[in-house]
C-alpha atoms as a PDB file:
ATOM      1  CA  MET A   1      -6.755 -17.596 -18.670  1.00  0.00           C
ATOM      2  CA  PHE A   2      -4.583 -19.743 -16.892  1.00  0.00           C
ATOM      3  CA  GLU A   3      -3.332 -19.605 -13.141  1.00  0.00           C
ATOM      4  CA  ILE A   4      -0.578 -21.603 -11.197  1.00  0.00           C
ATOM      5  CA  SER A   5      -0.759 -21.332  -7.405  1.00  0.00           C
ATOM      6  CA  VAL A   6       2.264 -21.947  -4.679  1.00  0.00           C
ATOM      7  CA  GLU A   7       1.821 -21.565  -0.719  1.00  0.00           C
ATOM      8  CA  SER A   8       4.257 -21.243   1.929  1.00  0.00           C
ATOM      9  CA  VAL A   9       3.723 -20.768   5.511  1.00  0.00           C
ATOM     10  CA  PHE A  10       5.930 -18.627   8.043  1.00  0.00           C
ATOM     11  CA  SER A  11       5.535 -17.753  11.819  1.00  0.00           C
ATOM     12  CA  ALA A  12       5.324 -14.236  12.844  1.00  0.00           C
ATOM     13  CA  ALA A  13       4.028 -12.073  15.459  1.00  0.00           C
ATOM     14  CA  HIS A  14       2.391  -8.677  15.034  1.00  0.00           C
ATOM     15  CA  ALA A  15       0.526  -6.021  17.010  1.00  0.00           C
ATOM     16  CA  ILE A  16      -1.557  -4.094  14.612  1.00  0.00           C
ATOM     17  CA  ARG A  17      -3.504  -0.643  15.489  1.00  0.00           C
ATOM     18  CA  VAL A  18      -7.020  -0.470  15.090  1.00  0.00           C
ATOM     19  CA  ALA A  19      -8.868   2.736  15.183  1.00  0.00           C
ATOM     20  CA  GLY A  20      -5.565   3.894  16.990  1.00  0.00           C
ATOM     21  CA  ALA A  21      -5.280   1.448  19.479  1.00  0.00           C
ATOM     22  CA  HIS A  22      -2.915  -1.150  19.968  1.00  0.00           C
ATOM     23  CA  GLU A  23      -3.800  -4.625  19.882  1.00  0.00           C
ATOM     24  CA  PRO A  24      -1.346  -7.068  22.146  1.00  0.00           C
ATOM     25  CA  LEU A  25       1.677  -8.556  20.423  1.00  0.00           C
ATOM     26  CA  HIS A  26       0.419 -12.194  19.567  1.00  0.00           C
ATOM     27  CA  GLY A  27       1.803 -14.659  16.923  1.00  0.00           C
ATOM     28  CA  HIS A  28       0.293 -16.148  13.506  1.00  0.00           C
ATOM     29  CA  ASP A  29       1.091 -19.367  11.248  1.00  0.00           C
ATOM     30  CA  TRP A  30       0.756 -16.995   8.207  1.00  0.00           C
ATOM     31  CA  ARG A  31      -0.445 -18.955   5.174  1.00  0.00           C
ATOM     32  CA  VAL A  32       0.457 -17.551   1.618  1.00  0.00           C
ATOM     33  CA  ARG A  33      -0.465 -18.243  -1.533  1.00  0.00           C
ATOM     34  CA  VAL A  34       0.697 -16.605  -4.750  1.00  0.00           C
ATOM     35  CA  THR A  35      -0.633 -16.953  -7.832  1.00  0.00           C
ATOM     36  CA  ILE A  36       0.693 -16.394 -11.354  1.00  0.00           C
ATOM     37  CA  ALA A  37      -1.897 -15.763 -14.544  1.00  0.00           C
ATOM     38  CA  ALA A  38      -1.110 -16.220 -18.035  1.00  0.00           C
ATOM     39  CA  ASP A  39      -3.239 -15.484 -20.687  1.00  0.00           C
ATOM     40  CA  ARG A  40      -1.699 -18.517 -22.785  1.00  0.00           C
ATOM     41  CA  LEU A  41       0.642 -21.471 -21.783  1.00  0.00           C
ATOM     42  CA  ASP A  42       4.507 -21.796 -23.061  1.00  0.00           C
ATOM     43  CA  ASP A  43       5.782 -24.009 -25.445  1.00  0.00           C
ATOM     44  CA  ASP A  44       6.121 -26.874 -22.748  1.00  0.00           C
ATOM     45  CA  GLY A  45       2.509 -26.181 -21.620  1.00  0.00           C
ATOM     46  CA  LEU A  46       3.457 -24.383 -18.440  1.00  0.00           C
ATOM     47  CA  VAL A  47       2.340 -21.306 -16.973  1.00  0.00           C
ATOM     48  CA  CYS A  48       5.750 -21.230 -15.443  1.00  0.00           C
ATOM     49  CA  ASP A  49       8.290 -23.475 -13.590  1.00  0.00           C
ATOM     50  CA  PHE A  50       6.377 -23.949 -10.054  1.00  0.00           C
ATOM     51  CA  HIS A  51      10.155 -24.086  -8.713  1.00  0.00           C
ATOM     52  CA  LEU A  52      10.727 -20.310  -9.449  1.00  0.00           C
ATOM     53  CA  ILE A  53       7.430 -19.223  -7.810  1.00  0.00           C
ATOM     54  CA  GLU A  54       9.004 -21.081  -4.767  1.00  0.00           C
ATOM     55  CA  ARG A  55      12.399 -19.850  -4.423  1.00  0.00           C
ATOM     56  CA  ALA A  56      11.129 -16.139  -4.991  1.00  0.00           C
ATOM     57  CA  LEU A  57       8.451 -16.657  -2.514  1.00  0.00           C
ATOM     58  CA  GLY A  58      11.087 -18.179  -0.287  1.00  0.00           C
ATOM     59  CA  ASP A  59      13.360 -15.297  -0.569  1.00  0.00           C
ATOM     60  CA  VAL A  60      10.778 -12.710  -0.083  1.00  0.00           C
ATOM     61  CA  VAL A  61       9.420 -14.483   3.211  1.00  0.00           C
ATOM     62  CA  GLY A  62      12.688 -15.464   4.950  1.00  0.00           C
ATOM     63  CA  PRO A  63      13.425 -12.302   6.448  1.00  0.00           C
ATOM     64  CA  LEU A  64       9.767 -12.117   8.060  1.00  0.00           C
ATOM     65  CA  ARG A  65      10.239 -15.772   9.614  1.00  0.00           C
ATOM     66  CA  ASN A  66      10.076 -15.953  13.569  1.00  0.00           C
ATOM     67  CA  ARG A  67      10.131 -12.337  13.870  1.00  0.00           C
ATOM     68  CA  PRO A  68       7.837  -9.457  15.602  1.00  0.00           C
ATOM     69  CA  LEU A  69       6.700  -7.750  12.354  1.00  0.00           C
ATOM     70  CA  ASN A  70       6.319  -4.520  14.128  1.00  0.00           C
ATOM     71  CA  GLU A  71      10.479  -4.631  14.305  1.00  0.00           C
ATOM     72  CA  THR A  72      10.951  -5.829  10.917  1.00  0.00           C
ATOM     73  CA  PRO A  73      11.082  -3.070   7.769  1.00  0.00           C
ATOM     74  CA  PRO A  74       8.630  -1.999   6.030  1.00  0.00           C
ATOM     75  CA  PHE A  75       6.401  -2.915   9.157  1.00  0.00           C
ATOM     76  CA  ASP A  76       8.581  -0.811  11.709  1.00  0.00           C
ATOM     77  CA  ARG A  77       6.555   2.061   9.655  1.00  0.00           C
ATOM     78  CA  LEU A  78       3.835   0.419   8.192  1.00  0.00           C
ATOM     79  CA  ASN A  79       0.947  -1.146  10.510  1.00  0.00           C
ATOM     80  CA  PRO A  80       1.741  -4.720  10.273  1.00  0.00           C
ATOM     81  CA  THR A  81      -2.000  -5.941   9.031  1.00  0.00           C
ATOM     82  CA  ALA A  82      -2.702  -8.974   6.879  1.00  0.00           C
ATOM     83  CA  GLU A  83      -3.486  -6.461   3.977  1.00  0.00           C
ATOM     84  CA  HIS A  84       0.087  -4.861   4.466  1.00  0.00           C
ATOM     85  CA  VAL A  85       1.733  -8.190   4.518  1.00  0.00           C
ATOM     86  CA  ALA A  86       0.000  -9.315   1.325  1.00  0.00           C
ATOM     87  CA  TRP A  87       0.760  -5.937  -0.402  1.00  0.00           C
ATOM     88  CA  HIS A  88       4.125  -6.052   0.843  1.00  0.00           C
ATOM     89  CA  ILE A  89       5.228  -9.768  -0.275  1.00  0.00           C
ATOM     90  CA  GLY A  90       3.436  -9.171  -3.747  1.00  0.00           C
ATOM     91  CA  ARG A  91       5.742  -5.694  -4.248  1.00  0.00           C
ATOM     92  CA  ARG A  92       8.755  -7.713  -3.436  1.00  0.00           C
ATOM     93  CA  LEU A  93       7.760 -10.612  -5.785  1.00  0.00           C
ATOM     94  CA  ILE A  94       7.114  -8.250  -8.295  1.00  0.00           C
ATOM     95  CA  GLU A  95      10.275  -6.991  -7.784  1.00  0.00           C
ATOM     96  CA  ALA A  96      12.223 -10.149  -7.458  1.00  0.00           C
ATOM     97  CA  LEU A  97      10.262 -12.095 -10.717  1.00  0.00           C
ATOM     98  CA  ALA A  98      10.782  -9.092 -13.074  1.00  0.00           C
ATOM     99  CA  ASP A  99      13.321 -10.501 -14.951  1.00  0.00           C
ATOM    100  CA  ALA A 100      12.652 -14.025 -14.295  1.00  0.00           C
ATOM    101  CA  LEU A 101       8.713 -14.458 -15.109  1.00  0.00           C
ATOM    102  CA  PRO A 102       8.092 -15.062 -19.052  1.00  0.00           C
ATOM    103  CA  ALA A 103       6.809 -12.258 -20.567  1.00  0.00           C
ATOM    104  CA  HIS A 104       2.924 -14.210 -21.128  1.00  0.00           C
ATOM    105  CA  THR A 105       2.847 -14.481 -17.430  1.00  0.00           C
ATOM    106  CA  ARG A 106       2.103 -11.795 -14.588  1.00  0.00           C
ATOM    107  CA  LEU A 107       1.531 -11.782 -10.658  1.00  0.00           C
ATOM    108  CA  GLY A 108      -2.275 -12.529 -10.480  1.00  0.00           C
ATOM    109  CA  ALA A 109      -2.904 -12.338  -6.581  1.00  0.00           C
ATOM    110  CA  VAL A 110      -1.093 -12.629  -2.889  1.00  0.00           C
ATOM    111  CA  GLU A 111      -3.701 -14.016  -0.450  1.00  0.00           C
ATOM    112  CA  VAL A 112      -2.516 -14.155   3.146  1.00  0.00           C
ATOM    113  CA  THR A 113      -3.901 -15.974   5.726  1.00  0.00           C
ATOM    114  CA  GLU A 114      -3.447 -14.915   9.477  1.00  0.00           C
ATOM    115  CA  ALA A 115      -5.783 -17.107  11.065  1.00  0.00           C
ATOM    116  CA  PRO A 116      -8.352 -19.598   9.595  1.00  0.00           C
ATOM    117  CA  GLY A 117     -11.309 -17.977   7.828  1.00  0.00           C
ATOM    118  CA  CYS A 118      -9.242 -14.582   8.138  1.00  0.00           C
ATOM    119  CA  ALA A 119      -7.247 -13.710   4.517  1.00  0.00           C
ATOM    120  CA  ALA A 120      -6.434 -10.709   2.935  1.00  0.00           C
ATOM    121  CA  VAL A 121      -5.617 -10.693  -0.763  1.00  0.00           C
ATOM    122  CA  PHE A 122      -3.444  -7.910  -2.625  1.00  0.00           C
ATOM    123  CA  ARG A 123      -4.141  -8.272  -6.540  1.00  0.00           C
ATOM    124  CA  PRO A 124      -1.782  -5.622  -8.506  1.00  0.00           C
ATOM    125  CA  ASP A 125      -3.668  -3.835 -10.677  1.00  0.00           C
ATOM    126  CA  ARG A 126      -0.453  -2.001 -12.357  1.00  0.00           C
ATOM    127  CA  PRO A 127       3.256  -2.601 -11.581  1.00  0.00           C
ATOM    128  CA  GLU A 128       4.008   1.068 -10.346  1.00  0.00           C
ATOM    129  CA  GLN A 129       1.219   0.547  -7.647  1.00  0.00           C
ATOM    130  CA  GLY A 130       2.133   1.965  -4.556  1.00  0.00           C
ATOM    131  CA  ALA A 131       1.434   1.168  -0.699  1.00  0.00           C
ATOM    132  CA  PRO A 132      -2.053   1.030   0.282  1.00  0.00           C
ATOM    133  CA  ALA A 133      -2.996   3.951   2.849  1.00  0.00           C
END
């Protein structure tokens, strides 16, 4: 198994619900690490082009950048936890890369760190995997 990773950082604020109570609105520099997995390398010795993943990740996190997540779809309806942010970015990347990723590759994981030492990871088991509860 081979993996490549691409990272991006964006700033955004959120106020999540924990046990039914809203915490105060606060900001983070969200670190996103996307991992693409492959069972083999292509003829050039690559999993895939890093730039392809960088562009897609930039397009996906762009609408979240410098925004209050609670007012930004889908988080205007979905608790903007780090887990949901990882899931959202993962689902959007699967859609964005569906026709661009080489057939021997797949999205392996999306890791979102909202604060040093605090990370959530989404690993899609199936392309049709729905939103977390």
